[in-house]
Amino acid sequence: MKLARILPRLVQRDATAPAVTYYDDASGERIELSAKVVAMWASKGSHWLTDEMLVDPGGRVHLDLPARHWRAIYWAFAVWSIGAEVSTTEADSDATVSMHGVGDLVEPVASLAASDLAGFPDQFGPSIEAAPDDLALDGRTFADVLPAVPASERVMLVDTDAGETLRIAASTLAAAGSVVLVRNEDESRRARRVLDEGVDRVVSVSPG
């Protein structure tokens, strides 16, 4: 499975099925995105990267976005669709996307606020399929990021860093699964959320 093919296959399989569910327990936000919506935003991001920033295959895009934020998911796929590398830590890049007022494109903090990407086309293609040994994520190759497709499951991420979140999200979506991203988790809500969301597995780097 190629990273650039994941979203098109999800849309073909079931465009309206939930792909990404996002919680921020500090703000009370809950956002659910279907495969079609994630693919749409990724396409808009790919257009911005190629049309506005002239990022070429093999380039690097710095995603200075909060870990486990839903916008980071579609941006990663936008980058991979043009055959470029995502960097979550390295500012030396061809383009930077942030939420902090410093970047070539600054996304809004509030999930329902308008993004500057809104005016870009909803479809991008054909995607540029990078070679397996090309860099995809923080120095890892495309083959390293997606070495094998796991079983389909719904995975909840509660305290993973930005790079690990993107790696797990990619492998989960490649298996036609879905992810639940939780920021600023209130741990007292975890057990109930697992039941409500039908979560198969929780990924946490801390005990408990």
N, C-alpha and C. Protein backbone atom coordinates (compact mmCIF):
# COMPACT_ATOMS: atom_id res chain seq x y z
N MET A 1 0.84 -1.20 0.00
CA MET A 1 0.00 0.00 0.00
C MET A 1 0.88 1.25 0.00
N LYS A 2 0.63 2.17 -0.91
CA LYS A 2 1.35 3.44 -0.96
C LYS A 2 0.61 4.47 -0.11
N LEU A 3 1.37 5.33 0.57
CA LEU A 3 0.75 6.36 1.40
C LEU A 3 -0.21 7.24 0.60
N ALA A 4 0.17 7.57 -0.63
CA ALA A 4 -0.66 8.44 -1.46
C ALA A 4 -1.97 7.79 -1.88
N ARG A 5 -2.06 6.46 -1.76
CA ARG A 5 -3.27 5.76 -2.20
C ARG A 5 -4.28 5.53 -1.07
N ILE A 6 -3.88 5.80 0.17
CA ILE A 6 -4.73 5.45 1.31
C ILE A 6 -6.07 6.15 1.27
N LEU A 7 -6.07 7.47 1.15
CA LEU A 7 -7.34 8.20 1.17
C LEU A 7 -8.23 7.87 -0.03
N PRO A 8 -7.70 7.83 -1.26
CA PRO A 8 -8.57 7.44 -2.38
C PRO A 8 -9.23 6.08 -2.17
N ARG A 9 -8.50 5.13 -1.60
CA ARG A 9 -9.08 3.80 -1.37
C ARG A 9 -10.14 3.84 -0.28
N LEU A 10 -9.91 4.65 0.75
CA LEU A 10 -10.93 4.80 1.79
C LEU A 10 -12.21 5.39 1.22
N VAL A 11 -12.06 6.41 0.40
CA VAL A 11 -13.23 7.05 -0.21
C VAL A 11 -13.97 6.06 -1.11
N GLN A 12 -13.22 5.29 -1.87
CA GLN A 12 -13.83 4.31 -2.76
C GLN A 12 -14.56 3.23 -1.96
N ARG A 13 -14.01 2.87 -0.83
CA ARG A 13 -14.60 1.81 0.00
C ARG A 13 -15.88 2.29 0.68
N ASP A 14 -15.81 3.45 1.34
CA ASP A 14 -16.98 4.02 2.02
C ASP A 14 -16.68 5.48 2.32
N ALA A 15 -17.11 6.36 1.44
CA ALA A 15 -16.75 7.78 1.54
C ALA A 15 -17.29 8.44 2.79
N THR A 16 -18.40 7.96 3.31
CA THR A 16 -19.04 8.62 4.45
C THR A 16 -18.67 8.02 5.80
N ALA A 17 -17.92 6.94 5.80
CA ALA A 17 -17.54 6.31 7.07
C ALA A 17 -16.59 7.21 7.85
N PRO A 18 -16.70 7.26 9.18
CA PRO A 18 -15.78 8.07 9.98
C PRO A 18 -14.34 7.60 9.79
N ALA A 19 -13.46 8.53 9.53
CA ALA A 19 -12.04 8.21 9.41
C ALA A 19 -11.26 8.78 10.58
N VAL A 20 -11.59 10.02 10.96
CA VAL A 20 -10.90 10.71 12.05
C VAL A 20 -11.93 11.33 12.98
N THR A 21 -11.84 11.01 14.26
CA THR A 21 -12.66 11.65 15.28
C THR A 21 -11.72 12.37 16.23
N TYR A 22 -12.03 13.62 16.54
CA TYR A 22 -11.12 14.47 17.31
C TYR A 22 -11.81 15.01 18.55
N TYR A 23 -11.14 14.86 19.68
CA TYR A 23 -11.60 15.44 20.94
C TYR A 23 -10.54 16.37 21.50
N ASP A 24 -10.98 17.48 22.05
CA ASP A 24 -10.13 18.32 22.89
C ASP A 24 -10.89 18.52 24.19
N ASP A 25 -10.43 17.85 25.24
CA ASP A 25 -11.16 17.92 26.51
C ASP A 25 -11.05 19.27 27.18
N ALA A 26 -10.06 20.08 26.79
CA ALA A 26 -9.94 21.42 27.37
C ALA A 26 -10.99 22.37 26.80
N SER A 27 -11.25 22.26 25.51
CA SER A 27 -12.21 23.16 24.86
C SER A 27 -13.60 22.54 24.73
N GLY A 28 -13.69 21.23 24.92
CA GLY A 28 -14.97 20.55 24.76
C GLY A 28 -15.30 20.20 23.33
N GLU A 29 -14.36 20.38 22.42
CA GLU A 29 -14.61 20.10 21.00
C GLU A 29 -14.69 18.60 20.73
N ARG A 30 -15.58 18.25 19.84
CA ARG A 30 -15.59 16.92 19.23
C ARG A 30 -15.91 17.11 17.75
N ILE A 31 -15.00 16.67 16.90
CA ILE A 31 -15.17 16.80 15.46
C ILE A 31 -15.02 15.41 14.84
N GLU A 32 -15.91 15.07 13.94
CA GLU A 32 -15.80 13.79 13.23
C GLU A 32 -15.70 14.05 11.74
N LEU A 33 -14.71 13.44 11.11
CA LEU A 33 -14.47 13.64 9.68
C LEU A 33 -14.58 12.31 8.95
N SER A 34 -15.35 12.31 7.89
CA SER A 34 -15.45 11.13 7.04
C SER A 34 -14.22 11.02 6.16
N ALA A 35 -14.08 9.86 5.53
CA ALA A 35 -12.97 9.68 4.58
C ALA A 35 -13.03 10.73 3.48
N LYS A 36 -14.23 11.04 3.00
CA LYS A 36 -14.38 12.03 1.93
C LYS A 36 -13.91 13.40 2.37
N VAL A 37 -14.22 13.79 3.60
CA VAL A 37 -13.83 15.12 4.09
C VAL A 37 -12.32 15.20 4.29
N VAL A 38 -11.73 14.16 4.87
CA VAL A 38 -10.27 14.16 5.04
C VAL A 38 -9.59 14.26 3.68
N ALA A 39 -10.08 13.50 2.71
CA ALA A 39 -9.50 13.53 1.37
C ALA A 39 -9.66 14.90 0.72
N MET A 40 -10.79 15.54 0.94
CA MET A 40 -11.02 16.87 0.38
C MET A 40 -10.00 17.87 0.92
N TRP A 41 -9.81 17.88 2.24
CA TRP A 41 -8.86 18.83 2.82
C TRP A 41 -7.43 18.50 2.42
N ALA A 42 -7.11 17.22 2.30
CA ALA A 42 -5.78 16.84 1.84
C ALA A 42 -5.54 17.33 0.42
N SER A 43 -6.55 17.23 -0.43
CA SER A 43 -6.43 17.72 -1.81
C SER A 43 -6.20 19.22 -1.85
N LYS A 44 -6.92 19.95 -1.02
CA LYS A 44 -6.73 21.40 -0.95
C LYS A 44 -5.31 21.73 -0.51
N GLY A 45 -4.82 20.97 0.48
CA GLY A 45 -3.45 21.19 0.94
C GLY A 45 -2.42 20.89 -0.13
N SER A 46 -2.65 19.83 -0.90
CA SER A 46 -1.72 19.49 -1.98
C SER A 46 -1.68 20.59 -3.03
N HIS A 47 -2.84 21.15 -3.36
CA HIS A 47 -2.87 22.26 -4.31
C HIS A 47 -2.10 23.46 -3.78
N TRP A 48 -2.29 23.78 -2.51
CA TRP A 48 -1.58 24.93 -1.94
C TRP A 48 -0.06 24.69 -1.99
N LEU A 49 0.36 23.50 -1.64
CA LEU A 49 1.79 23.19 -1.62
C LEU A 49 2.42 23.30 -3.00
N THR A 50 1.71 22.82 -4.02
CA THR A 50 2.28 22.82 -5.37
C THR A 50 2.05 24.14 -6.09
N ASP A 51 0.88 24.75 -5.92
CA ASP A 51 0.54 25.96 -6.67
C ASP A 51 1.11 27.23 -6.04
N GLU A 52 1.06 27.30 -4.71
CA GLU A 52 1.50 28.51 -4.02
C GLU A 52 2.95 28.44 -3.55
N MET A 53 3.36 27.29 -3.04
CA MET A 53 4.70 27.16 -2.47
C MET A 53 5.69 26.47 -3.40
N LEU A 54 5.19 25.92 -4.50
CA LEU A 54 6.04 25.26 -5.50
C LEU A 54 6.91 24.16 -4.89
N VAL A 55 6.32 23.41 -3.96
CA VAL A 55 7.04 22.29 -3.35
C VAL A 55 7.11 21.14 -4.34
N ASP A 56 8.29 20.63 -4.58
CA ASP A 56 8.50 19.54 -5.53
C ASP A 56 8.53 18.19 -4.82
N PRO A 57 8.36 17.10 -5.56
CA PRO A 57 8.58 15.78 -4.97
C PRO A 57 9.98 15.72 -4.36
N GLY A 58 10.08 15.14 -3.19
CA GLY A 58 11.36 15.10 -2.49
C GLY A 58 11.60 16.29 -1.60
N GLY A 59 10.70 17.29 -1.65
CA GLY A 59 10.82 18.44 -0.77
C GLY A 59 10.42 18.10 0.65
N ARG A 60 10.50 19.10 1.52
CA ARG A 60 10.16 18.89 2.93
C ARG A 60 9.19 19.97 3.38
N VAL A 61 8.16 19.54 4.12
CA VAL A 61 7.16 20.46 4.65
C VAL A 61 7.12 20.32 6.17
N HIS A 62 7.30 21.43 6.85
CA HIS A 62 7.27 21.42 8.32
C HIS A 62 5.84 21.61 8.79
N LEU A 63 5.30 20.62 9.48
CA LEU A 63 3.97 20.73 10.08
C LEU A 63 4.13 21.10 11.54
N ASP A 64 4.10 22.39 11.80
CA ASP A 64 4.22 22.90 13.16
C ASP A 64 2.83 22.97 13.77
N LEU A 65 2.23 21.80 13.91
CA LEU A 65 0.85 21.68 14.36
C LEU A 65 0.81 20.84 15.64
N PRO A 66 -0.19 21.06 16.48
CA PRO A 66 -0.27 20.29 17.73
C PRO A 66 -0.37 18.79 17.47
N ALA A 67 0.28 18.01 18.31
CA ALA A 67 0.15 16.55 18.21
C ALA A 67 -1.30 16.15 18.41
N ARG A 68 -1.73 15.16 17.62
CA ARG A 68 -3.08 14.60 17.71
C ARG A 68 -4.16 15.62 17.34
N HIS A 69 -3.83 16.56 16.48
CA HIS A 69 -4.84 17.50 15.98
C HIS A 69 -5.32 17.00 14.62
N TRP A 70 -6.62 17.11 14.38
CA TRP A 70 -7.17 16.57 13.13
C TRP A 70 -6.60 17.24 11.89
N ARG A 71 -6.24 18.51 11.98
CA ARG A 71 -5.68 19.18 10.81
C ARG A 71 -4.33 18.57 10.40
N ALA A 72 -3.57 18.08 11.37
CA ALA A 72 -2.27 17.48 11.05
C ALA A 72 -2.43 16.23 10.19
N ILE A 73 -3.55 15.52 10.36
CA ILE A 73 -3.76 14.30 9.58
C ILE A 73 -3.90 14.63 8.10
N TYR A 74 -4.78 15.57 7.77
CA TYR A 74 -4.96 15.85 6.34
C TYR A 74 -3.75 16.54 5.75
N TRP A 75 -3.03 17.31 6.56
CA TRP A 75 -1.83 17.95 6.03
C TRP A 75 -0.76 16.90 5.70
N ALA A 76 -0.62 15.89 6.55
CA ALA A 76 0.35 14.84 6.26
C ALA A 76 0.04 14.16 4.93
N PHE A 77 -1.23 13.85 4.71
CA PHE A 77 -1.60 13.21 3.45
C PHE A 77 -1.45 14.17 2.27
N ALA A 78 -1.64 15.45 2.50
CA ALA A 78 -1.41 16.44 1.44
C ALA A 78 0.06 16.41 1.01
N VAL A 79 0.94 16.33 1.98
CA VAL A 79 2.38 16.28 1.69
C VAL A 79 2.75 14.98 0.98
N TRP A 80 2.27 13.87 1.50
CA TRP A 80 2.60 12.58 0.90
C TRP A 80 2.04 12.45 -0.52
N SER A 81 0.93 13.12 -0.79
CA SER A 81 0.33 13.03 -2.12
C SER A 81 1.17 13.72 -3.19
N ILE A 82 2.08 14.60 -2.77
CA ILE A 82 2.96 15.24 -3.75
C ILE A 82 4.37 14.65 -3.69
N GLY A 83 4.53 13.55 -2.96
CA GLY A 83 5.81 12.87 -2.90
C GLY A 83 6.85 13.58 -2.07
N ALA A 84 6.40 14.36 -1.08
CA ALA A 84 7.32 15.12 -0.23
C ALA A 84 7.37 14.53 1.18
N GLU A 85 8.28 15.07 1.99
CA GLU A 85 8.49 14.59 3.35
C GLU A 85 7.82 15.50 4.36
N VAL A 86 7.18 14.90 5.36
CA VAL A 86 6.64 15.63 6.50
C VAL A 86 7.71 15.73 7.57
N SER A 87 7.90 16.93 8.10
CA SER A 87 8.77 17.11 9.25
C SER A 87 7.94 17.69 10.39
N THR A 88 7.96 17.03 11.53
CA THR A 88 7.24 17.57 12.70
C THR A 88 8.18 18.29 13.65
N THR A 89 9.49 18.23 13.37
CA THR A 89 10.46 18.82 14.30
C THR A 89 11.42 19.78 13.63
N GLU A 90 11.65 19.65 12.35
CA GLU A 90 12.69 20.40 11.65
C GLU A 90 12.09 21.59 10.91
N ALA A 91 12.51 22.79 11.30
CA ALA A 91 11.97 24.00 10.68
C ALA A 91 12.59 24.30 9.32
N ASP A 92 13.73 23.69 9.01
CA ASP A 92 14.38 23.91 7.72
C ASP A 92 13.60 23.16 6.65
N SER A 93 12.75 23.87 5.93
CA SER A 93 11.83 23.20 5.01
C SER A 93 11.47 24.11 3.86
N ASP A 94 10.75 23.55 2.90
CA ASP A 94 10.29 24.33 1.74
C ASP A 94 9.00 25.08 2.04
N ALA A 95 8.28 24.66 3.06
CA ALA A 95 7.04 25.32 3.46
C ALA A 95 6.74 24.95 4.90
N THR A 96 6.09 25.86 5.61
CA THR A 96 5.71 25.61 7.00
C THR A 96 4.24 25.91 7.20
N VAL A 97 3.56 24.97 7.85
CA VAL A 97 2.15 25.15 8.22
C VAL A 97 2.09 25.15 9.74
N SER A 98 1.43 26.14 10.30
CA SER A 98 1.39 26.24 11.76
C SER A 98 0.03 26.73 12.24
N MET A 99 -0.08 26.84 13.56
CA MET A 99 -1.24 27.47 14.19
C MET A 99 -0.80 28.61 15.11
N HIS A 100 0.45 29.01 14.96
CA HIS A 100 1.02 29.91 15.95
C HIS A 100 1.35 31.30 15.42
N GLY A 101 0.87 31.63 14.26
CA GLY A 101 1.11 32.96 13.72
C GLY A 101 2.41 33.07 12.95
N VAL A 102 3.21 32.01 12.91
CA VAL A 102 4.46 32.01 12.16
C VAL A 102 4.44 30.81 11.22
N GLY A 103 4.37 31.10 9.93
CA GLY A 103 4.33 30.02 8.95
C GLY A 103 3.87 30.55 7.61
N ASP A 104 4.09 29.76 6.58
CA ASP A 104 3.62 30.17 5.25
C ASP A 104 2.11 30.10 5.16
N LEU A 105 1.51 29.21 5.93
CA LEU A 105 0.06 29.17 6.07
C LEU A 105 -0.24 28.90 7.54
N VAL A 106 -1.10 29.73 8.11
CA VAL A 106 -1.45 29.60 9.53
C VAL A 106 -2.90 29.13 9.63
N GLU A 107 -3.08 27.94 10.16
CA GLU A 107 -4.42 27.39 10.33
C GLU A 107 -5.07 27.97 11.59
N PRO A 108 -6.40 28.10 11.60
CA PRO A 108 -7.08 28.60 12.79
C PRO A 108 -7.04 27.57 13.92
N VAL A 109 -7.03 28.06 15.14
CA VAL A 109 -7.03 27.17 16.30
C VAL A 109 -8.38 26.50 16.46
N ALA A 110 -9.45 27.27 16.33
CA ALA A 110 -10.80 26.73 16.47
C ALA A 110 -11.15 25.84 15.28
N SER A 111 -11.68 24.66 15.55
CA SER A 111 -11.95 23.71 14.48
C SER A 111 -12.98 24.21 13.48
N LEU A 112 -13.93 25.02 13.92
CA LEU A 112 -14.99 25.48 13.03
C LEU A 112 -14.66 26.81 12.35
N ALA A 113 -13.49 27.37 12.64
CA ALA A 113 -13.09 28.61 11.98
C ALA A 113 -12.63 28.33 10.55
N ALA A 114 -12.75 29.33 9.70
CA ALA A 114 -12.42 29.16 8.28
C ALA A 114 -10.91 29.02 8.08
N SER A 115 -10.53 28.09 7.22
CA SER A 115 -9.14 27.91 6.85
C SER A 115 -8.87 28.62 5.53
N ASP A 116 -7.63 29.10 5.37
CA ASP A 116 -7.24 29.74 4.11
C ASP A 116 -7.23 28.75 2.95
N LEU A 117 -7.32 27.47 3.24
CA LEU A 117 -7.35 26.46 2.17
C LEU A 117 -8.71 26.35 1.50
N ALA A 118 -9.73 26.96 2.08
CA ALA A 118 -11.10 26.72 1.63
C ALA A 118 -11.30 26.96 0.14
N GLY A 119 -10.59 27.92 -0.44
CA GLY A 119 -10.79 28.27 -1.84
C GLY A 119 -10.08 27.37 -2.84
N PHE A 120 -9.27 26.43 -2.35
CA PHE A 120 -8.53 25.56 -3.27
C PHE A 120 -9.40 24.38 -3.71
N PRO A 121 -9.09 23.78 -4.87
CA PRO A 121 -9.92 22.69 -5.39
C PRO A 121 -10.01 21.50 -4.44
N ASP A 122 -11.15 20.81 -4.50
CA ASP A 122 -11.41 19.66 -3.64
C ASP A 122 -10.74 18.39 -4.12
N GLN A 123 -10.23 18.39 -5.36
CA GLN A 123 -9.62 17.18 -5.91
C GLN A 123 -8.22 17.50 -6.39
N PHE A 124 -7.30 16.59 -6.12
CA PHE A 124 -5.92 16.73 -6.57
C PHE A 124 -5.49 15.39 -7.16
N GLY A 125 -4.91 15.47 -8.33
CA GLY A 125 -4.48 14.20 -8.87
C GLY A 125 -3.95 14.32 -10.28
N PRO A 126 -3.31 13.26 -10.71
CA PRO A 126 -3.02 12.07 -9.90
C PRO A 126 -1.92 12.35 -8.87
N SER A 127 -1.97 11.62 -7.76
CA SER A 127 -0.95 11.79 -6.74
C SER A 127 0.41 11.35 -7.27
N ILE A 128 1.44 11.89 -6.66
CA ILE A 128 2.81 11.53 -7.03
C ILE A 128 3.27 10.44 -6.08
N GLU A 129 3.52 9.25 -6.59
CA GLU A 129 3.90 8.13 -5.74
C GLU A 129 5.42 8.10 -5.58
N ALA A 130 5.85 8.35 -4.37
CA ALA A 130 7.28 8.36 -4.08
C ALA A 130 7.84 6.95 -4.08
N ALA A 131 9.15 6.86 -4.25
CA ALA A 131 9.82 5.56 -4.16
C ALA A 131 9.87 5.11 -2.70
N PRO A 132 9.94 3.81 -2.45
CA PRO A 132 9.95 3.32 -1.06
C PRO A 132 11.06 3.90 -0.21
N ASP A 133 12.22 4.22 -0.83
CA ASP A 133 13.33 4.73 -0.04
C ASP A 133 13.39 6.26 0.01
N ASP A 134 12.38 6.93 -0.54
CA ASP A 134 12.29 8.39 -0.39
C ASP A 134 11.84 8.72 1.03
N LEU A 135 12.20 9.91 1.52
CA LEU A 135 11.85 10.29 2.88
C LEU A 135 10.39 10.71 2.97
N ALA A 136 9.72 10.25 4.04
CA ALA A 136 8.29 10.52 4.20
C ALA A 136 7.95 11.24 5.50
N LEU A 137 8.65 10.90 6.60
CA LEU A 137 8.25 11.44 7.90
C LEU A 137 9.43 11.48 8.85
N ASP A 138 9.90 12.68 9.15
CA ASP A 138 10.97 12.87 10.14
C ASP A 138 12.17 11.96 9.89
N GLY A 139 12.59 11.88 8.63
CA GLY A 139 13.76 11.09 8.29
C GLY A 139 13.48 9.63 8.00
N ARG A 140 12.26 9.18 8.23
CA ARG A 140 11.87 7.81 7.90
C ARG A 140 11.45 7.75 6.43
N THR A 141 11.72 6.63 5.80
CA THR A 141 11.33 6.47 4.41
C THR A 141 9.85 6.10 4.31
N PHE A 142 9.32 6.17 3.09
CA PHE A 142 7.93 5.76 2.87
C PHE A 142 7.74 4.30 3.27
N ALA A 143 8.72 3.46 2.99
CA ALA A 143 8.63 2.04 3.37
C ALA A 143 8.63 1.87 4.88
N ASP A 144 9.39 2.70 5.59
CA ASP A 144 9.44 2.60 7.05
C ASP A 144 8.14 3.04 7.71
N VAL A 145 7.52 4.07 7.15
CA VAL A 145 6.29 4.60 7.75
C VAL A 145 5.15 3.60 7.61
N LEU A 146 5.13 2.88 6.51
CA LEU A 146 4.05 1.92 6.26
C LEU A 146 4.65 0.57 5.84
N PRO A 147 5.31 -0.13 6.79
CA PRO A 147 5.97 -1.38 6.42
C PRO A 147 5.01 -2.50 6.09
N ALA A 148 3.85 -2.53 6.75
CA ALA A 148 2.84 -3.56 6.50
C ALA A 148 1.50 -3.02 6.95
N VAL A 149 0.45 -3.49 6.34
CA VAL A 149 -0.90 -3.03 6.69
C VAL A 149 -1.45 -3.93 7.79
N PRO A 150 -1.81 -3.36 8.95
CA PRO A 150 -2.32 -4.17 10.06
C PRO A 150 -3.79 -4.53 9.85
N ALA A 151 -4.35 -5.22 10.82
CA ALA A 151 -5.78 -5.52 10.79
C ALA A 151 -6.57 -4.23 10.98
N SER A 152 -7.77 -4.20 10.41
CA SER A 152 -8.61 -3.01 10.54
C SER A 152 -9.11 -2.87 11.97
N GLU A 153 -8.94 -1.68 12.55
CA GLU A 153 -9.40 -1.42 13.91
C GLU A 153 -9.59 0.06 14.12
N ARG A 154 -10.28 0.38 15.21
CA ARG A 154 -10.48 1.78 15.60
C ARG A 154 -9.52 2.06 16.75
N VAL A 155 -8.60 2.97 16.53
CA VAL A 155 -7.50 3.21 17.45
C VAL A 155 -7.63 4.60 18.07
N MET A 156 -7.50 4.68 19.38
CA MET A 156 -7.54 5.97 20.07
C MET A 156 -6.14 6.34 20.54
N LEU A 157 -5.71 7.55 20.19
CA LEU A 157 -4.39 8.06 20.55
C LEU A 157 -4.57 9.17 21.58
N VAL A 158 -3.92 9.03 22.74
CA VAL A 158 -4.17 9.99 23.81
C VAL A 158 -2.97 10.84 24.20
N ASP A 159 -1.75 10.35 23.99
CA ASP A 159 -0.59 11.17 24.37
C ASP A 159 0.62 10.93 23.48
N THR A 160 0.40 10.44 22.29
CA THR A 160 1.49 10.23 21.34
C THR A 160 1.99 11.56 20.80
N ASP A 161 3.27 11.60 20.42
CA ASP A 161 3.80 12.84 19.86
C ASP A 161 3.35 12.98 18.40
N ALA A 162 3.72 14.10 17.79
CA ALA A 162 3.20 14.41 16.46
C ALA A 162 3.60 13.37 15.42
N GLY A 163 4.87 12.97 15.43
CA GLY A 163 5.33 12.01 14.44
C GLY A 163 4.71 10.64 14.61
N GLU A 164 4.64 10.16 15.84
CA GLU A 164 4.06 8.84 16.09
C GLU A 164 2.57 8.84 15.78
N THR A 165 1.90 9.94 16.05
CA THR A 165 0.47 10.05 15.71
C THR A 165 0.26 9.86 14.22
N LEU A 166 1.07 10.53 13.41
CA LEU A 166 0.91 10.43 11.96
C LEU A 166 1.24 9.04 11.46
N ARG A 167 2.26 8.41 12.03
CA ARG A 167 2.63 7.06 11.61
C ARG A 167 1.51 6.07 11.91
N ILE A 168 0.96 6.14 13.12
CA ILE A 168 -0.11 5.21 13.51
C ILE A 168 -1.38 5.49 12.72
N ALA A 169 -1.68 6.77 12.51
CA ALA A 169 -2.87 7.12 11.73
C ALA A 169 -2.76 6.58 10.31
N ALA A 170 -1.59 6.71 9.71
CA ALA A 170 -1.41 6.23 8.34
C ALA A 170 -1.62 4.72 8.25
N SER A 171 -1.02 3.97 9.17
CA SER A 171 -1.16 2.51 9.11
C SER A 171 -2.58 2.07 9.42
N THR A 172 -3.25 2.79 10.33
CA THR A 172 -4.63 2.44 10.68
C THR A 172 -5.57 2.70 9.52
N LEU A 173 -5.44 3.86 8.89
CA LEU A 173 -6.30 4.19 7.76
C LEU A 173 -5.99 3.31 6.55
N ALA A 174 -4.74 2.89 6.41
CA ALA A 174 -4.39 1.99 5.31
C ALA A 174 -5.13 0.66 5.42
N ALA A 175 -5.46 0.28 6.65
CA ALA A 175 -6.19 -0.97 6.88
C ALA A 175 -7.70 -0.76 6.90
N ALA A 176 -8.14 0.41 6.42
CA ALA A 176 -9.57 0.76 6.41
C ALA A 176 -10.12 0.88 7.82
N GLY A 177 -9.24 1.22 8.77
CA GLY A 177 -9.68 1.49 10.13
C GLY A 177 -9.94 2.97 10.31
N SER A 178 -9.99 3.41 11.56
CA SER A 178 -10.23 4.82 11.87
C SER A 178 -9.51 5.17 13.16
N VAL A 179 -9.29 6.47 13.35
CA VAL A 179 -8.57 6.93 14.54
C VAL A 179 -9.41 7.91 15.34
N VAL A 180 -9.22 7.85 16.66
CA VAL A 180 -9.80 8.82 17.58
C VAL A 180 -8.63 9.56 18.21
N LEU A 181 -8.55 10.85 17.98
CA LEU A 181 -7.46 11.68 18.49
C LEU A 181 -7.95 12.46 19.70
N VAL A 182 -7.21 12.40 20.80
CA VAL A 182 -7.62 13.08 22.02
C VAL A 182 -6.52 14.01 22.48
N ARG A 183 -6.86 15.29 22.62
CA ARG A 183 -5.93 16.28 23.16
C ARG A 183 -6.41 16.71 24.54
N ASN A 184 -5.43 17.03 25.40
CA ASN A 184 -5.74 17.52 26.76
C ASN A 184 -6.71 16.57 27.46
N GLU A 185 -6.37 15.28 27.42
CA GLU A 185 -7.30 14.27 27.90
C GLU A 185 -7.64 14.39 29.37
N ASP A 186 -8.92 14.31 29.67
CA ASP A 186 -9.42 14.10 31.02
C ASP A 186 -9.52 12.59 31.19
N GLU A 187 -8.57 12.01 31.92
CA GLU A 187 -8.50 10.55 31.99
C GLU A 187 -9.75 9.92 32.58
N SER A 188 -10.50 10.68 33.35
CA SER A 188 -11.73 10.13 33.93
C SER A 188 -12.77 9.82 32.86
N ARG A 189 -12.59 10.39 31.66
CA ARG A 189 -13.53 10.16 30.57
C ARG A 189 -13.11 9.02 29.65
N ARG A 190 -11.92 8.48 29.86
CA ARG A 190 -11.37 7.53 28.88
C ARG A 190 -12.22 6.27 28.74
N ALA A 191 -12.56 5.63 29.85
CA ALA A 191 -13.30 4.37 29.77
C ALA A 191 -14.63 4.54 29.05
N ARG A 192 -15.34 5.62 29.38
CA ARG A 192 -16.63 5.86 28.73
C ARG A 192 -16.45 6.16 27.25
N ARG A 193 -15.40 6.92 26.93
CA ARG A 193 -15.15 7.28 25.53
C ARG A 193 -14.82 6.04 24.70
N VAL A 194 -14.05 5.15 25.26
CA VAL A 194 -13.71 3.91 24.56
C VAL A 194 -14.99 3.15 24.19
N LEU A 195 -15.93 3.09 25.12
CA LEU A 195 -17.20 2.41 24.85
C LEU A 195 -18.03 3.17 23.82
N ASP A 196 -18.16 4.48 24.03
CA ASP A 196 -19.01 5.28 23.14
C ASP A 196 -18.50 5.28 21.71
N GLU A 197 -17.18 5.29 21.54
CA GLU A 197 -16.58 5.39 20.21
C GLU A 197 -16.28 4.03 19.59
N GLY A 198 -16.52 2.96 20.32
CA GLY A 198 -16.23 1.64 19.77
C GLY A 198 -14.76 1.41 19.52
N VAL A 199 -13.92 1.88 20.43
CA VAL A 199 -12.46 1.80 20.27
C VAL A 199 -11.98 0.37 20.50
N ASP A 200 -11.13 -0.11 19.61
CA ASP A 200 -10.54 -1.44 19.75
C ASP A 200 -9.23 -1.42 20.53
N ARG A 201 -8.50 -0.30 20.41
CA ARG A 201 -7.17 -0.24 21.03
C ARG A 201 -6.84 1.19 21.39
N VAL A 202 -6.27 1.39 22.58
CA VAL A 202 -5.82 2.70 23.02
C VAL A 202 -4.30 2.72 22.99
N VAL A 203 -3.74 3.75 22.36
CA VAL A 203 -2.29 3.91 22.32
C VAL A 203 -1.91 5.05 23.25
N SER A 204 -1.14 4.71 24.28
CA SER A 204 -0.70 5.69 25.26
C SER A 204 0.75 5.39 25.60
N VAL A 205 1.56 6.43 25.69
CA VAL A 205 2.97 6.22 26.03
C VAL A 205 3.19 6.28 27.53
N SER A 206 2.16 6.67 28.29
CA SER A 206 2.27 6.73 29.74
C SER A 206 1.44 5.61 30.36
N PRO A 207 1.82 5.12 31.54
CA PRO A 207 1.06 4.04 32.17
C PRO A 207 -0.31 4.52 32.64
N GLY A 208 -1.24 3.59 32.76
CA GLY A 208 -2.56 3.93 33.29
C GLY A 208 -3.62 3.99 32.23
